[in-house]
């Protein structure tokens, strides 16, 4: 059995997608990861000190 219409969708060939432009700067992902780890350690340190402080009351 044959379908009505073309097999492929009709695409406007005149309009081409714009090329994806790269960001002006490249993010230093290693340094960002180290910063996130450092902030996590500071957060754990502050939570631990708060827990110790509350347990001594």
PDB file of N, CA and C in Angstrom:
ATOM      1  N   UNK A   1       0.850  -1.173   0.000  1.00  0.00           N
ATOM      2  CA  UNK A   1       0.000   0.000   0.000  1.00  0.00           C
ATOM      3  C   UNK A   1       0.893   1.233   0.000  1.00  0.00           C
ATOM      4  N   UNK A   2       0.533   2.203  -0.804  1.00  0.00           N
ATOM      5  CA  UNK A   2       1.358   3.395  -0.962  1.00  0.00           C
ATOM      6  C   UNK A   2       0.756   4.570  -0.198  1.00  0.00           C
ATOM      7  N   UNK A   3       1.643   5.381   0.415  1.00  0.00           N
ATOM      8  CA  UNK A   3       1.189   6.553   1.161  1.00  0.00           C
ATOM      9  C   UNK A   3       0.892   7.689   0.200  1.00  0.00           C
ATOM     10  N   UNK A   4       0.023   8.571   0.636  1.00  0.00           N
ATOM     11  CA  UNK A   4      -0.217   9.791  -0.140  1.00  0.00           C
ATOM     12  C   UNK A   4       0.830  10.815   0.227  1.00  0.00           C
ATOM     13  N   UNK A   5       1.473  11.434  -0.732  1.00  0.00           N
ATOM     14  CA  UNK A   5       2.454  12.471  -0.477  1.00  0.00           C
ATOM     15  C   UNK A   5       3.862  11.905  -0.496  1.00  0.00           C
ATOM     16  N   UNK A   6       4.827  12.794  -0.337  1.00  0.00           N
ATOM     17  CA  UNK A   6       6.232  12.359  -0.409  1.00  0.00           C
ATOM     18  C   UNK A   6       6.634  11.579   0.835  1.00  0.00           C
ATOM     19  N   UNK A   7       7.674  10.741   0.687  1.00  0.00           N
ATOM     20  CA  UNK A   7       8.167   9.950   1.804  1.00  0.00           C
ATOM     21  C   UNK A   7       8.924  10.809   2.808  1.00  0.00           C
ATOM     22  N   UNK A   8       9.628  11.823   2.324  1.00  0.00           N
ATOM     23  CA  UNK A   8      10.410  12.692   3.194  1.00  0.00           C
ATOM     24  C   UNK A   8       9.658  13.984   3.456  1.00  0.00           C
ATOM     25  N   UNK A   9       9.842  14.571   4.619  1.00  0.00           N
ATOM     26  CA  UNK A   9       9.177  15.857   4.888  1.00  0.00           C
ATOM     27  C   UNK A   9       9.735  16.950   3.980  1.00  0.00           C
ATOM     28  N   UNK A  10       8.869  17.871   3.641  1.00  0.00           N
ATOM     29  CA  UNK A  10       9.286  18.977   2.781  1.00  0.00           C
ATOM     30  C   UNK A  10      10.061  19.978   3.621  1.00  0.00           C
ATOM     31  N   UNK A  11      11.271  20.313   3.173  1.00  0.00           N
ATOM     32  CA  UNK A  11      12.138  21.228   3.912  1.00  0.00           C
ATOM     33  C   UNK A  11      12.469  22.383   2.990  1.00  0.00           C
ATOM     34  N   UNK A  12      12.426  23.581   3.536  1.00  0.00           N
ATOM     35  CA  UNK A  12      12.788  24.759   2.748  1.00  0.00           C
ATOM     36  C   UNK A  12      14.301  24.758   2.577  1.00  0.00           C
ATOM     37  N   UNK A  13      14.766  24.519   1.373  1.00  0.00           N
ATOM     38  CA  UNK A  13      16.205  24.401   1.133  1.00  0.00           C
ATOM     39  C   UNK A  13      16.899  25.761   1.180  1.00  0.00           C
ATOM     40  N   UNK A  14      16.161  26.857   1.034  1.00  0.00           N
ATOM     41  CA  UNK A  14      16.775  28.183   0.985  1.00  0.00           C
ATOM     42  C   UNK A  14      17.267  28.619   2.372  1.00  0.00           C
ATOM     43  N   UNK A  15      16.548  28.237   3.400  1.00  0.00           N
ATOM     44  CA  UNK A  15      16.939  28.677   4.741  1.00  0.00           C
ATOM     45  C   UNK A  15      17.824  27.614   5.376  1.00  0.00           C
ATOM     46  N   UNK A  16      19.072  27.941   5.580  1.00  0.00           N
ATOM     47  CA  UNK A  16      20.017  27.037   6.213  1.00  0.00           C
ATOM     48  C   UNK A  16      20.164  27.441   7.678  1.00  0.00           C
ATOM     49  N   UNK A  17      20.369  26.475   8.541  1.00  0.00           N
ATOM     50  CA  UNK A  17      20.557  26.850   9.952  1.00  0.00           C
ATOM     51  C   UNK A  17      21.858  27.615  10.140  1.00  0.00           C
ATOM     52  N   UNK A  18      21.809  28.543  11.065  1.00  0.00           N
ATOM     53  CA  UNK A  18      23.000  29.338  11.345  1.00  0.00           C
ATOM     54  C   UNK A  18      24.055  28.472  12.026  1.00  0.00           C
ATOM     55  N   UNK A  19      25.306  28.669  11.732  1.00  0.00           N
ATOM     56  CA  UNK A  19      26.333  27.868  12.412  1.00  0.00           C
ATOM     57  C   UNK A  19      26.392  28.223  13.893  1.00  0.00           C
ATOM     58  N   UNK A  20      26.652  27.231  14.682  1.00  0.00           N
ATOM     59  CA  UNK A  20      26.741  27.437  16.136  1.00  0.00           C
ATOM     60  C   UNK A  20      28.070  28.110  16.429  1.00  0.00           C
ATOM     61  N   UNK A  21      27.979  29.288  17.046  1.00  0.00           N
ATOM     62  CA  UNK A  21      29.197  30.020  17.376  1.00  0.00           C
ATOM     63  C   UNK A  21      29.697  29.581  18.745  1.00  0.00           C
ATOM     64  N   UNK A  22      30.996  29.419  18.847  1.00  0.00           N
ATOM     65  CA  UNK A  22      31.587  29.062  20.130  1.00  0.00           C
ATOM     66  C   UNK A  22      31.622  30.292  21.030  1.00  0.00           C
ATOM     67  N   UNK A  23      31.665  30.037  22.303  1.00  0.00           N
ATOM     68  CA  UNK A  23      31.739  31.135  23.265  1.00  0.00           C
ATOM     69  C   UNK A  23      33.049  31.898  23.062  1.00  0.00           C
ATOM     70  N   UNK A  24      33.035  33.155  23.426  1.00  0.00           N
ATOM     71  CA  UNK A  24      34.212  33.990  23.236  1.00  0.00           C
ATOM     72  C   UNK A  24      35.379  33.502  24.097  1.00  0.00           C
ATOM     73  N   UNK A  25      35.052  32.965  25.278  1.00  0.00           N
ATOM     74  CA  UNK A  25      36.114  32.442  26.150  1.00  0.00           C
ATOM     75  C   UNK A  25      35.834  30.974  26.410  1.00  0.00           C
ATOM     76  N   UNK A  26      36.886  30.212  26.641  1.00  0.00           N
ATOM     77  CA  UNK A  26      36.735  28.816  27.037  1.00  0.00           C
ATOM     78  C   UNK A  26      36.818  28.750  28.553  1.00  0.00           C
ATOM     79  N   UNK A  27      35.840  28.091  29.155  1.00  0.00           N
ATOM     80  CA  UNK A  27      35.815  27.983  30.597  1.00  0.00           C
ATOM     81  C   UNK A  27      36.879  27.001  31.060  1.00  0.00           C
ATOM     82  N   UNK A  28      37.650  27.379  32.088  1.00  0.00           N
ATOM     83  CA  UNK A  28      38.651  26.450  32.645  1.00  0.00           C
ATOM     84  C   UNK A  28      37.964  25.462  33.592  1.00  0.00           C
ATOM     85  N   UNK A  29      37.427  24.372  33.036  1.00  0.00           N
ATOM     86  CA  UNK A  29      36.584  23.474  33.825  1.00  0.00           C
ATOM     87  C   UNK A  29      37.345  22.831  34.975  1.00  0.00           C
ATOM     88  N   UNK A  30      38.627  22.616  34.843  1.00  0.00           N
ATOM     89  CA  UNK A  30      39.393  22.037  35.948  1.00  0.00           C
ATOM     90  C   UNK A  30      39.442  22.954  37.151  1.00  0.00           C
ATOM     91  N   UNK A  31      39.681  24.230  36.888  1.00  0.00           N
ATOM     92  CA  UNK A  31      39.729  25.209  37.982  1.00  0.00           C
ATOM     93  C   UNK A  31      38.349  25.374  38.608  1.00  0.00           C
ATOM     94  N   UNK A  32      37.318  25.367  37.788  1.00  0.00           N
ATOM     95  CA  UNK A  32      35.947  25.482  38.310  1.00  0.00           C
ATOM     96  C   UNK A  32      35.620  24.280  39.189  1.00  0.00           C
ATOM     97  N   UNK A  33      36.032  23.077  38.755  1.00  0.00           N
ATOM     98  CA  UNK A  33      35.784  21.876  39.554  1.00  0.00           C
ATOM     99  C   UNK A  33      36.512  21.956  40.899  1.00  0.00           C
ATOM    100  N   UNK A  34      37.755  22.430  40.880  1.00  0.00           N
ATOM    101  CA  UNK A  34      38.487  22.586  42.140  1.00  0.00           C
ATOM    102  C   UNK A  34      37.823  23.605  43.054  1.00  0.00           C
ATOM    103  N   UNK A  35      37.309  24.681  42.478  1.00  0.00           N
ATOM    104  CA  UNK A  35      36.599  25.682  43.275  1.00  0.00           C
ATOM    105  C   UNK A  35      35.335  25.117  43.903  1.00  0.00           C
ATOM    106  N   UNK A  36      34.600  24.314  43.140  1.00  0.00           N
ATOM    107  CA  UNK A  36      33.381  23.690  43.677  1.00  0.00           C
ATOM    108  C   UNK A  36      33.736  22.734  44.808  1.00  0.00           C
ATOM    109  N   UNK A  37      34.812  21.954  44.621  1.00  0.00           N
ATOM    110  CA  UNK A  37      35.240  21.050  45.692  1.00  0.00           C
ATOM    111  C   UNK A  37      35.665  21.826  46.942  1.00  0.00           C
ATOM    112  N   UNK A  38      36.369  22.933  46.745  1.00  0.00           N
ATOM    113  CA  UNK A  38      36.793  23.747  47.889  1.00  0.00           C
ATOM    114  C   UNK A  38      35.577  24.314  48.627  1.00  0.00           C
ATOM    115  N   UNK A  39      34.594  24.789  47.874  1.00  0.00           N
ATOM    116  CA  UNK A  39      33.387  25.311  48.521  1.00  0.00           C
ATOM    117  C   UNK A  39      32.626  24.212  49.258  1.00  0.00           C
ATOM    118  N   UNK A  40      32.630  23.019  48.702  1.00  0.00           N
ATOM    119  CA  UNK A  40      31.968  21.895  49.380  1.00  0.00           C
ATOM    120  C   UNK A  40      32.675  21.570  50.691  1.00  0.00           C
ATOM    121  N   UNK A  41      34.015  21.588  50.680  1.00  0.00           N
ATOM    122  CA  UNK A  41      34.755  21.326  51.914  1.00  0.00           C
ATOM    123  C   UNK A  41      34.477  22.395  52.957  1.00  0.00           C
ATOM    124  N   UNK A  42      34.407  23.643  52.548  1.00  0.00           N
ATOM    125  CA  UNK A  42      34.092  24.731  53.487  1.00  0.00           C
ATOM    126  C   UNK A  42      32.700  24.525  54.068  1.00  0.00           C
ATOM    127  N   UNK A  43      31.751  24.127  53.225  1.00  0.00           N
ATOM    128  CA  UNK A  43      30.392  23.867  53.712  1.00  0.00           C
ATOM    129  C   UNK A  43      30.351  22.730  54.708  1.00  0.00           C
ATOM    130  N   UNK A  44      31.066  21.656  54.437  1.00  0.00           N
ATOM    131  CA  UNK A  44      31.108  20.525  55.372  1.00  0.00           C
ATOM    132  C   UNK A  44      31.776  20.956  56.677  1.00  0.00           C
ATOM    133  N   UNK A  45      32.833  21.738  56.581  1.00  0.00           N
ATOM    134  CA  UNK A  45      33.529  22.226  57.779  1.00  0.00           C
ATOM    135  C   UNK A  45      32.589  23.062  58.646  1.00  0.00           C
ATOM    136  N   UNK A  46      31.848  23.972  58.001  1.00  0.00           N
ATOM    137  CA  UNK A  46      30.938  24.821  58.774  1.00  0.00           C
ATOM    138  C   UNK A  46      29.794  24.012  59.379  1.00  0.00           C
ATOM    139  N   UNK A  47      29.280  23.040  58.642  1.00  0.00           N
ATOM    140  CA  UNK A  47      28.222  22.194  59.201  1.00  0.00           C
ATOM    141  C   UNK A  47      28.749  21.386  60.385  1.00  0.00           C
ATOM    142  N   UNK A  48      29.955  20.846  60.256  1.00  0.00           N
ATOM    143  CA  UNK A  48      30.528  20.062  61.343  1.00  0.00           C
ATOM    144  C   UNK A  48      30.747  20.928  62.583  1.00  0.00           C
ATOM    145  N   UNK A  49      31.273  22.133  62.393  1.00  0.00           N
ATOM    146  CA  UNK A  49      31.479  23.016  63.538  1.00  0.00           C
ATOM    147  C   UNK A  49      30.153  23.401  64.181  1.00  0.00           C
ATOM    148  N   UNK A  50      29.128  23.597  63.385  1.00  0.00           N
ATOM    149  CA  UNK A  50      27.807  23.880  63.956  1.00  0.00           C
ATOM    150  C   UNK A  50      27.265  22.711  64.743  1.00  0.00           C
ATOM    151  N   UNK A  51      27.474  21.497  64.222  1.00  0.00           N
ATOM    152  CA  UNK A  51      27.029  20.302  64.927  1.00  0.00           C
ATOM    153  C   UNK A  51      27.775  20.139  66.248  1.00  0.00           C
ATOM    154  N   UNK A  52      29.085  20.338  66.229  1.00  0.00           N
ATOM    155  CA  UNK A  52      29.891  20.229  67.452  1.00  0.00           C
ATOM    156  C   UNK A  52      29.469  21.299  68.460  1.00  0.00           C
ATOM    157  N   UNK A  53      29.222  22.505  67.981  1.00  0.00           N
ATOM    158  CA  UNK A  53      28.795  23.577  68.871  1.00  0.00           C
ATOM    159  C   UNK A  53      27.457  23.244  69.525  1.00  0.00           C
ATOM    160  N   UNK A  54      26.515  22.736  68.732  1.00  0.00           N
ATOM    161  CA  UNK A  54      25.203  22.412  69.300  1.00  0.00           C
ATOM    162  C   UNK A  54      25.279  21.223  70.243  1.00  0.00           C
ATOM    163  N   UNK A  55      26.189  20.278  70.019  1.00  0.00           N
ATOM    164  CA  UNK A  55      26.289  19.121  70.896  1.00  0.00           C
ATOM    165  C   UNK A  55      26.949  19.476  72.226  1.00  0.00           C
ATOM    166  N   UNK A  56      27.674  20.601  72.287  1.00  0.00           N
ATOM    167  CA  UNK A  56      28.325  21.003  73.535  1.00  0.00           C
ATOM    168  C   UNK A  56      27.438  21.867  74.417  1.00  0.00           C
ATOM    169  N   UNK A  57      26.270  22.241  73.932  1.00  0.00           N
ATOM    170  CA  UNK A  57      25.387  23.084  74.737  1.00  0.00           C
ATOM    171  C   UNK A  57      24.751  22.299  75.859  1.00  0.00           C
TER     172      UNK A  57
END
